[in-house]
Protein backbone atom coordinates (compact mmCIF):
# COMPACT_ATOMS: atom_id res chain seq x y z
CA MET A 1 0.00 0.00 0.00
CA ASP A 2 1.18 3.50 -0.76
CA TYR A 3 0.48 6.23 1.73
CA ASP A 4 1.30 9.89 1.92
CA THR A 5 4.19 10.78 4.19
CA TYR A 6 4.47 13.65 6.65
CA THR A 7 7.39 15.46 8.24
CA THR A 8 5.81 15.92 11.68
CA ARG A 9 3.49 13.90 13.89
CA GLY A 10 1.20 16.92 14.15
CA GLU A 11 0.86 17.13 10.38
CA ALA A 12 0.17 13.40 10.18
CA ILE A 13 -2.52 13.70 12.86
CA GLU A 14 -4.17 16.64 11.15
CA ARG A 15 -4.21 15.07 7.70
CA THR A 16 -4.83 11.40 8.48
CA ILE A 17 -7.14 11.70 11.49
CA ILE A 18 -8.70 15.13 12.02
CA THR A 19 -9.47 15.93 8.38
CA PRO A 20 -11.21 12.63 7.53
CA ILE A 21 -13.26 12.59 10.73
CA GLU A 22 -14.44 16.18 10.31
CA ALA A 23 -15.03 15.68 6.57
CA SER A 24 -17.76 13.21 7.45
CA GLU A 25 -19.83 16.24 8.53
CA ALA A 26 -21.21 14.22 11.44
CA VAL A 27 -18.42 15.60 13.65
CA LYS A 28 -17.41 19.24 13.83
CA ASP A 29 -14.63 18.91 16.43
CA ALA A 30 -12.82 15.58 16.25
CA ARG A 31 -10.61 16.43 19.23
CA ALA A 32 -13.67 16.90 21.44
CA GLU A 33 -15.26 13.61 20.44
CA TYR A 34 -12.31 11.21 20.04
CA ASP A 35 -9.08 10.33 21.80
CA ILE A 36 -6.88 11.61 18.98
CA ASP A 37 -3.59 10.63 20.63
CA ALA A 38 -4.79 7.04 21.08
CA ILE A 39 -5.91 6.92 17.46
CA ALA A 40 -2.54 8.31 16.36
CA ASP A 41 -0.67 5.73 18.43
CA ASN A 42 -2.48 3.02 16.47
CA ILE A 43 -2.46 4.37 12.94
CA ILE A 44 0.65 6.52 12.50
CA GLY A 45 4.00 4.94 11.88
CA TYR A 46 7.39 6.65 12.18
CA ASP A 47 10.70 5.79 10.55
CA PRO A 48 13.58 7.26 12.56
CA ASP A 49 16.02 6.75 9.69
CA THR A 50 14.06 8.85 7.21
CA GLN A 51 12.21 10.84 9.89
CA ILE A 52 8.85 10.47 8.19
CA TYR A 53 5.39 9.64 9.49
CA TRP A 54 2.69 7.77 7.58
CA GLN A 55 -0.65 6.05 8.09
CA VAL A 56 -0.08 2.33 8.66
CA CYS A 57 -3.63 1.04 8.20
CA ASP A 58 -6.22 0.93 5.46
CA GLU A 59 -9.49 2.88 5.49
CA ALA A 60 -11.58 0.11 7.08
CA GLU A 61 -9.08 -0.35 9.91
CA PHE A 62 -8.92 3.41 10.38
CA TRP A 63 -12.67 3.75 10.95
CA THR A 64 -12.70 0.77 13.31
CA ILE A 65 -9.93 2.34 15.39
CA VAL A 66 -11.71 5.70 15.38
CA GLU A 67 -14.99 4.17 16.55
CA GLU A 68 -13.22 2.33 19.36
CA ARG A 69 -11.76 5.58 20.67
CA ALA A 70 -14.85 7.75 20.92
CA LEU A 71 -14.97 9.74 24.15
């Protein structure tokens, strides 16, 4: 699988977690409704050699992880 890469964890969180959740229009503030750090710990990978972050799961896994971490 090919995924976009990010230079910071914050950028990866914003683009791979916050944006998709809020794009659903069912949620206006993802940070208020989900444990974003817990989601990030499960879906964002980091390579210390290249210093890049990326999403390590597919879309179905992503939404399962998100649902499991609702506040």
